[in-house]
PDB file of N, CA and C in Angstrom:
ATOM      1  N   MET A   1     -15.373  -6.478  25.512  1.00  0.00           N
ATOM      2  CA  MET A   1     -15.088  -6.027  24.168  1.00  0.00           C
ATOM      3  C   MET A   1     -14.819  -7.253  23.297  1.00  0.00           C
ATOM      4  N   ILE A   2     -15.235  -7.166  22.059  1.00  0.00           N
ATOM      5  CA  ILE A   2     -14.959  -8.196  21.063  1.00  0.00           C
ATOM      6  C   ILE A   2     -13.865  -7.659  20.143  1.00  0.00           C
ATOM      7  N   TYR A   3     -12.842  -8.475  19.923  1.00  0.00           N
ATOM      8  CA  TYR A   3     -11.747  -8.114  19.026  1.00  0.00           C
ATOM      9  C   TYR A   3     -11.920  -8.882  17.730  1.00  0.00           C
ATOM     10  N   LYS A   4     -11.997  -8.166  16.622  1.00  0.00           N
ATOM     11  CA  LYS A   4     -12.010  -8.780  15.298  1.00  0.00           C
ATOM     12  C   LYS A   4     -10.574  -8.714  14.817  1.00  0.00           C
ATOM     13  N   VAL A   5      -9.913  -9.874  14.751  1.00  0.00           N
ATOM     14  CA  VAL A   5      -8.474  -9.929  14.497  1.00  0.00           C
ATOM     15  C   VAL A   5      -8.210 -10.564  13.139  1.00  0.00           C
ATOM     16  N   SER A   6      -7.446  -9.865  12.328  1.00  0.00           N
ATOM     17  CA  SER A   6      -6.963 -10.394  11.060  1.00  0.00           C
ATOM     18  C   SER A   6      -5.577 -10.982  11.311  1.00  0.00           C
ATOM     19  N   TYR A   7      -5.453 -12.298  11.156  1.00  0.00           N
ATOM     20  CA  TYR A   7      -4.175 -12.984  11.345  1.00  0.00           C
ATOM     21  C   TYR A   7      -3.520 -13.204   9.982  1.00  0.00           C
ATOM     22  N   VAL A   8      -2.294 -12.738   9.836  1.00  0.00           N
ATOM     23  CA  VAL A   8      -1.529 -12.923   8.604  1.00  0.00           C
ATOM     24  C   VAL A   8      -0.247 -13.666   8.966  1.00  0.00           C
ATOM     25  N   VAL A   9       0.049 -14.733   8.210  1.00  0.00           N
ATOM     26  CA  VAL A   9       1.219 -15.561   8.485  1.00  0.00           C
ATOM     27  C   VAL A   9       2.433 -14.992   7.769  1.00  0.00           C
ATOM     28  N   GLN A  10       3.486 -14.738   8.517  1.00  0.00           N
ATOM     29  CA  GLN A  10       4.742 -14.221   7.976  1.00  0.00           C
ATOM     30  C   GLN A  10       5.281 -15.185   6.914  1.00  0.00           C
ATOM     31  N   GLY A  11       5.676 -14.658   5.790  1.00  0.00           N
ATOM     32  CA  GLY A  11       6.232 -15.478   4.713  1.00  0.00           C
ATOM     33  C   GLY A  11       5.187 -15.973   3.733  1.00  0.00           C
ATOM     34  N   GLY A  12       3.929 -15.975   4.114  1.00  0.00           N
ATOM     35  CA  GLY A  12       2.850 -16.359   3.208  1.00  0.00           C
ATOM     36  C   GLY A  12       2.766 -17.833   2.866  1.00  0.00           C
ATOM     37  N   ASP A  13       3.447 -18.700   3.612  1.00  0.00           N
ATOM     38  CA  ASP A  13       3.402 -20.128   3.312  1.00  0.00           C
ATOM     39  C   ASP A  13       2.112 -20.799   3.788  1.00  0.00           C
ATOM     40  N   TYR A  14       1.371 -20.165   4.665  1.00  0.00           N
ATOM     41  CA  TYR A  14       0.138 -20.722   5.213  1.00  0.00           C
ATOM     42  C   TYR A  14      -0.958 -19.670   5.109  1.00  0.00           C
ATOM     43  N   PRO A  15      -2.212 -20.102   4.963  1.00  0.00           N
ATOM     44  CA  PRO A  15      -3.302 -19.122   4.963  1.00  0.00           C
ATOM     45  C   PRO A  15      -3.502 -18.554   6.360  1.00  0.00           C
ATOM     46  N   GLY A  16      -3.900 -17.329   6.445  1.00  0.00           N
ATOM     47  CA  GLY A  16      -4.222 -16.702   7.721  1.00  0.00           C
ATOM     48  C   GLY A  16      -5.707 -16.861   7.992  1.00  0.00           C
ATOM     49  N   GLY A  17      -6.279 -15.871   8.647  1.00  0.00           N
ATOM     50  CA  GLY A  17      -7.704 -15.926   8.927  1.00  0.00           C
ATOM     51  C   GLY A  17      -8.167 -14.704   9.676  1.00  0.00           C
ATOM     52  N   ILE A  18      -9.461 -14.599   9.821  1.00  0.00           N
ATOM     53  CA  ILE A  18     -10.078 -13.523  10.601  1.00  0.00           C
ATOM     54  C   ILE A  18     -10.899 -14.187  11.693  1.00  0.00           C
ATOM     55  N   ARG A  19     -10.736 -13.691  12.902  1.00  0.00           N
ATOM     56  CA  ARG A  19     -11.394 -14.323  14.051  1.00  0.00           C
ATOM     57  C   ARG A  19     -11.975 -13.251  14.968  1.00  0.00           C
ATOM     58  N   ASN A  20     -13.166 -13.523  15.505  1.00  0.00           N
ATOM     59  CA  ASN A  20     -13.727 -12.722  16.593  1.00  0.00           C
ATOM     60  C   ASN A  20     -13.322 -13.398  17.886  1.00  0.00           C
ATOM     61  N   GLN A  21     -12.769 -12.632  18.823  1.00  0.00           N
ATOM     62  CA  GLN A  21     -12.352 -13.203  20.098  1.00  0.00           C
ATOM     63  C   GLN A  21     -12.539 -12.204  21.216  1.00  0.00           C
ATOM     64  N   GLN A  22     -12.614 -12.707  22.446  1.00  0.00           N
ATOM     65  CA  GLN A  22     -12.848 -11.846  23.598  1.00  0.00           C
ATOM     66  C   GLN A  22     -11.564 -11.336  24.231  1.00  0.00           C
ATOM     67  N   ASP A  23     -10.430 -11.983  23.945  1.00  0.00           N
ATOM     68  CA  ASP A  23      -9.151 -11.552  24.496  1.00  0.00           C
ATOM     69  C   ASP A  23      -8.319 -10.887  23.412  1.00  0.00           C
ATOM     70  N   GLU A  24      -7.684  -9.778  23.772  1.00  0.00           N
ATOM     71  CA  GLU A  24      -6.809  -9.081  22.830  1.00  0.00           C
ATOM     72  C   GLU A  24      -5.549  -9.923  22.604  1.00  0.00           C
ATOM     73  N   PRO A  25      -5.137 -10.107  21.344  1.00  0.00           N
ATOM     74  CA  PRO A  25      -3.908 -10.860  21.094  1.00  0.00           C
ATOM     75  C   PRO A  25      -2.698 -10.090  21.622  1.00  0.00           C
ATOM     76  N   VAL A  26      -1.692 -10.831  22.102  1.00  0.00           N
ATOM     77  CA  VAL A  26      -0.508 -10.235  22.709  1.00  0.00           C
ATOM     78  C   VAL A  26       0.734 -10.851  22.061  1.00  0.00           C
ATOM     79  N   VAL A  27       1.709 -10.001  21.729  1.00  0.00           N
ATOM     80  CA  VAL A  27       2.966 -10.480  21.161  1.00  0.00           C
ATOM     81  C   VAL A  27       3.582 -11.522  22.093  1.00  0.00           C
ATOM     82  N   GLY A  28       4.028 -12.636  21.516  1.00  0.00           N
ATOM     83  CA  GLY A  28       4.635 -13.722  22.285  1.00  0.00           C
ATOM     84  C   GLY A  28       3.684 -14.853  22.608  1.00  0.00           C
ATOM     85  N   GLU A  29       2.368 -14.609  22.543  1.00  0.00           N
ATOM     86  CA  GLU A  29       1.394 -15.671  22.775  1.00  0.00           C
ATOM     87  C   GLU A  29       1.315 -16.577  21.551  1.00  0.00           C
ATOM     88  N   TYR A  30       0.733 -17.755  21.743  1.00  0.00           N
ATOM     89  CA  TYR A  30       0.500 -18.691  20.655  1.00  0.00           C
ATOM     90  C   TYR A  30      -0.979 -18.701  20.307  1.00  0.00           C
ATOM     91  N   VAL A  31      -1.263 -18.956  19.029  1.00  0.00           N
ATOM     92  CA  VAL A  31      -2.639 -19.028  18.556  1.00  0.00           C
ATOM     93  C   VAL A  31      -2.750 -20.203  17.590  1.00  0.00           C
ATOM     94  N   LEU A  32      -3.902 -20.873  17.628  1.00  0.00           N
ATOM     95  CA  LEU A  32      -4.179 -21.936  16.665  1.00  0.00           C
ATOM     96  C   LEU A  32      -4.935 -21.350  15.484  1.00  0.00           C
ATOM     97  N   ILE A  33      -4.466 -21.668  14.289  1.00  0.00           N
ATOM     98  CA  ILE A  33      -5.201 -21.353  13.071  1.00  0.00           C
ATOM     99  C   ILE A  33      -5.308 -22.690  12.348  1.00  0.00           C
ATOM    100  N   GLY A  34      -6.503 -23.248  12.357  1.00  0.00           N
ATOM    101  CA  GLY A  34      -6.671 -24.618  11.881  1.00  0.00           C
ATOM    102  C   GLY A  34      -5.906 -25.539  12.817  1.00  0.00           C
ATOM    103  N   PRO A  35      -5.175 -26.521  12.272  1.00  0.00           N
ATOM    104  CA  PRO A  35      -4.424 -27.446  13.116  1.00  0.00           C
ATOM    105  C   PRO A  35      -3.021 -26.952  13.470  1.00  0.00           C
ATOM    106  N   MET A  36      -2.649 -25.772  12.978  1.00  0.00           N
ATOM    107  CA  MET A  36      -1.290 -25.252  13.138  1.00  0.00           C
ATOM    108  C   MET A  36      -1.195 -24.289  14.311  1.00  0.00           C
ATOM    109  N   ARG A  37      -0.027 -24.285  14.960  1.00  0.00           N
ATOM    110  CA  ARG A  37       0.243 -23.364  16.063  1.00  0.00           C
ATOM    111  C   ARG A  37       1.195 -22.281  15.555  1.00  0.00           C
ATOM    112  N   PHE A  38       0.885 -21.028  15.908  1.00  0.00           N
ATOM    113  CA  PHE A  38       1.667 -19.874  15.480  1.00  0.00           C
ATOM    114  C   PHE A  38       1.986 -18.995  16.679  1.00  0.00           C
ATOM    115  N   GLU A  39       3.107 -18.293  16.597  1.00  0.00           N
ATOM    116  CA  GLU A  39       3.468 -17.298  17.609  1.00  0.00           C
ATOM    117  C   GLU A  39       3.109 -15.927  17.074  1.00  0.00           C
ATOM    118  N   ILE A  40       2.471 -15.124  17.916  1.00  0.00           N
ATOM    119  CA  ILE A  40       2.130 -13.753  17.540  1.00  0.00           C
ATOM    120  C   ILE A  40       3.392 -12.902  17.654  1.00  0.00           C
ATOM    121  N   ILE A  41       3.776 -12.245  16.558  1.00  0.00           N
ATOM    122  CA  ILE A  41       4.997 -11.436  16.565  1.00  0.00           C
ATOM    123  C   ILE A  41       4.728  -9.944  16.411  1.00  0.00           C
ATOM    124  N   GLU A  42       3.498  -9.570  16.066  1.00  0.00           N
ATOM    125  CA  GLU A  42       3.165  -8.149  15.896  1.00  0.00           C
ATOM    126  C   GLU A  42       1.657  -7.989  15.996  1.00  0.00           C
ATOM    127  N   VAL A  43       1.220  -6.945  16.687  1.00  0.00           N
ATOM    128  CA  VAL A  43      -0.207  -6.620  16.778  1.00  0.00           C
ATOM    129  C   VAL A  43      -0.342  -5.111  16.637  1.00  0.00           C
ATOM    130  N   PHE A  44      -1.263  -4.678  15.766  1.00  0.00           N
ATOM    131  CA  PHE A  44      -1.553  -3.254  15.725  1.00  0.00           C
ATOM    132  C   PHE A  44      -3.012  -3.010  15.369  1.00  0.00           C
ATOM    133  N   GLU A  45      -3.466  -1.832  15.747  1.00  0.00           N
ATOM    134  CA  GLU A  45      -4.851  -1.434  15.562  1.00  0.00           C
ATOM    135  C   GLU A  45      -5.095  -1.053  14.108  1.00  0.00           C
ATOM    136  N   ILE A  46      -6.144  -1.613  13.507  1.00  0.00           N
ATOM    137  CA  ILE A  46      -6.509  -1.262  12.134  1.00  0.00           C
ATOM    138  C   ILE A  46      -7.305   0.030  12.121  1.00  0.00           C
ATOM    139  N   MET A  47      -8.239   0.144  13.043  1.00  0.00           N
ATOM    140  CA  MET A  47      -9.027   1.371  13.185  1.00  0.00           C
ATOM    141  C   MET A  47      -9.454   1.504  14.637  1.00  0.00           C
ATOM    142  N   ALA A  48      -9.851   2.693  14.993  1.00  0.00           N
ATOM    143  CA  ALA A  48     -10.237   2.969  16.376  1.00  0.00           C
ATOM    144  C   ALA A  48     -11.415   2.092  16.796  1.00  0.00           C
ATOM    145  N   PRO A  49     -11.491   1.744  18.092  1.00  0.00           N
ATOM    146  CA  PRO A  49     -12.611   0.931  18.572  1.00  0.00           C
ATOM    147  C   PRO A  49     -13.955   1.602  18.293  1.00  0.00           C
ATOM    148  N   ARG A  50     -14.958   0.770  18.023  1.00  0.00           N
ATOM    149  CA  ARG A  50     -16.330   1.254  17.814  1.00  0.00           C
ATOM    150  C   ARG A  50     -17.254   0.431  18.687  1.00  0.00           C
ATOM    151  N   ASP A  51     -18.057   1.099  19.463  1.00  0.00           N
ATOM    152  CA  ASP A  51     -18.979   0.422  20.367  1.00  0.00           C
ATOM    153  C   ASP A  51     -18.217  -0.639  21.167  1.00  0.00           C
ATOM    154  N   ASP A  52     -18.571  -1.898  21.007  1.00  0.00           N
ATOM    155  CA  ASP A  52     -17.902  -2.973  21.748  1.00  0.00           C
ATOM    156  C   ASP A  52     -16.945  -3.773  20.872  1.00  0.00           C
ATOM    157  N   PHE A  53     -16.513  -3.196  19.739  1.00  0.00           N
ATOM    158  CA  PHE A  53     -15.607  -3.885  18.820  1.00  0.00           C
ATOM    159  C   PHE A  53     -14.309  -3.123  18.652  1.00  0.00           C
ATOM    160  N   GLN A  54     -13.220  -3.873  18.509  1.00  0.00           N
ATOM    161  CA  GLN A  54     -11.944  -3.289  18.119  1.00  0.00           C
ATOM    162  C   GLN A  54     -11.370  -4.148  17.001  1.00  0.00           C
ATOM    163  N   PHE A  55     -10.869  -3.493  15.957  1.00  0.00           N
ATOM    164  CA  PHE A  55     -10.336  -4.177  14.791  1.00  0.00           C
ATOM    165  C   PHE A  55      -8.823  -4.169  14.862  1.00  0.00           C
ATOM    166  N   LEU A  56      -8.217  -5.372  14.852  1.00  0.00           N
ATOM    167  CA  LEU A  56      -6.772  -5.506  15.001  1.00  0.00           C
ATOM    168  C   LEU A  56      -6.182  -6.357  13.880  1.00  0.00           C
ATOM    169  N   HIS A  57      -4.902  -6.148  13.637  1.00  0.00           N
ATOM    170  CA  HIS A  57      -4.117  -6.980  12.721  1.00  0.00           C
ATOM    171  C   HIS A  57      -3.035  -7.650  13.555  1.00  0.00           C
ATOM    172  N   ALA A  58      -2.820  -8.947  13.335  1.00  0.00           N
ATOM    173  CA  ALA A  58      -1.754  -9.667  14.026  1.00  0.00           C
ATOM    174  C   ALA A  58      -0.934 -10.439  12.995  1.00  0.00           C
ATOM    175  N   THR A  59       0.374 -10.258  13.043  1.00  0.00           N
ATOM    176  CA  THR A  59       1.279 -11.049  12.216  1.00  0.00           C
ATOM    177  C   THR A  59       1.775 -12.202  13.072  1.00  0.00           C
ATOM    178  N   VAL A  60       1.772 -13.399  12.498  1.00  0.00           N
ATOM    179  CA  VAL A  60       2.180 -14.597  13.229  1.00  0.00           C
ATOM    180  C   VAL A  60       3.228 -15.360  12.424  1.00  0.00           C
ATOM    181  N   ARG A  61       3.984 -16.225  13.131  1.00  0.00           N
ATOM    182  CA  ARG A  61       4.949 -17.098  12.465  1.00  0.00           C
ATOM    183  C   ARG A  61       4.680 -18.523  12.905  1.00  0.00           C
ATOM    184  N   PRO A  62       4.841 -19.493  11.986  1.00  0.00           N
ATOM    185  CA  PRO A  62       4.569 -20.889  12.343  1.00  0.00           C
ATOM    186  C   PRO A  62       5.560 -21.403  13.371  1.00  0.00           C
ATOM    187  N   ILE A  63       5.080 -22.265  14.269  1.00  0.00           N
ATOM    188  CA  ILE A  63       5.901 -22.849  15.330  1.00  0.00           C
ATOM    189  C   ILE A  63       6.223 -24.303  15.023  1.00  0.00           C
ATOM    190  N   GLU A  64       5.224 -25.093  14.630  1.00  0.00           N
ATOM    191  CA  GLU A  64       5.419 -26.520  14.411  1.00  0.00           C
ATOM    192  C   GLU A  64       4.298 -27.057  13.532  1.00  0.00           C
ATOM    193  N   GLU A  65       4.440 -28.294  13.095  1.00  0.00           N
ATOM    194  CA  GLU A  65       3.455 -28.911  12.197  1.00  0.00           C
ATOM    195  C   GLU A  65       2.107 -29.122  12.864  1.00  0.00           C
ATOM    196  N   LYS A  66       2.068 -29.772  14.000  1.00  0.00           N
ATOM    197  CA  LYS A  66       0.802 -30.029  14.715  1.00  0.00           C
ATOM    198  C   LYS A  66       0.857 -29.376  16.081  1.00  0.00           C
ATOM    199  N   ALA A  67      -0.263 -28.817  16.494  1.00  0.00           N
ATOM    200  CA  ALA A  67      -0.311 -28.074  17.750  1.00  0.00           C
ATOM    201  C   ALA A  67      -0.599 -29.000  18.931  1.00  0.00           C
ATOM    202  N   PRO A  68       0.091 -28.777  20.058  1.00  0.00           N
ATOM    203  CA  PRO A  68      -0.259 -29.488  21.286  1.00  0.00           C
ATOM    204  C   PRO A  68      -1.571 -28.939  21.832  1.00  0.00           C
ATOM    205  N   SER A  69      -2.170 -29.629  22.767  1.00  0.00           N
ATOM    206  CA  SER A  69      -3.487 -29.239  23.256  1.00  0.00           C
ATOM    207  C   SER A  69      -3.447 -28.218  24.389  1.00  0.00           C
ATOM    208  N   SER A  70      -2.281 -27.853  24.912  1.00  0.00           N
ATOM    209  CA  SER A  70      -2.248 -26.913  26.043  1.00  0.00           C
ATOM    210  C   SER A  70      -1.474 -25.651  25.684  1.00  0.00           C
ATOM    211  N   ASN A  71      -1.687 -24.595  26.483  1.00  0.00           N
ATOM    212  CA  ASN A  71      -1.006 -23.309  26.361  1.00  0.00           C
ATOM    213  C   ASN A  71      -1.260 -22.602  25.038  1.00  0.00           C
ATOM    214  N   VAL A  72      -2.386 -22.857  24.427  1.00  0.00           N
ATOM    215  CA  VAL A  72      -2.713 -22.232  23.153  1.00  0.00           C
ATOM    216  C   VAL A  72      -4.120 -21.686  23.235  1.00  0.00           C
ATOM    217  N   LYS A  73      -4.301 -20.486  22.690  1.00  0.00           N
ATOM    218  CA  LYS A  73      -5.640 -19.878  22.663  1.00  0.00           C
ATOM    219  C   LYS A  73      -6.384 -20.310  21.426  1.00  0.00           C
TER     220      LYS A  73
END
């Protein structure tokens, strides 16, 4: 399945993004958006899955200025 995920940054201080990915985002995981690392704090379904796609929304919060190269999707 392909997940089309809308990432929105809590507080609005950073731009979010939309990404196609093969793994479903999970609360507590980290994600890179540009050079920044964020923690996923909320995930919910935008609409029911269709064919091989699922549309999700994820709210994230910034972790640090520059992201390390490990433990990040």
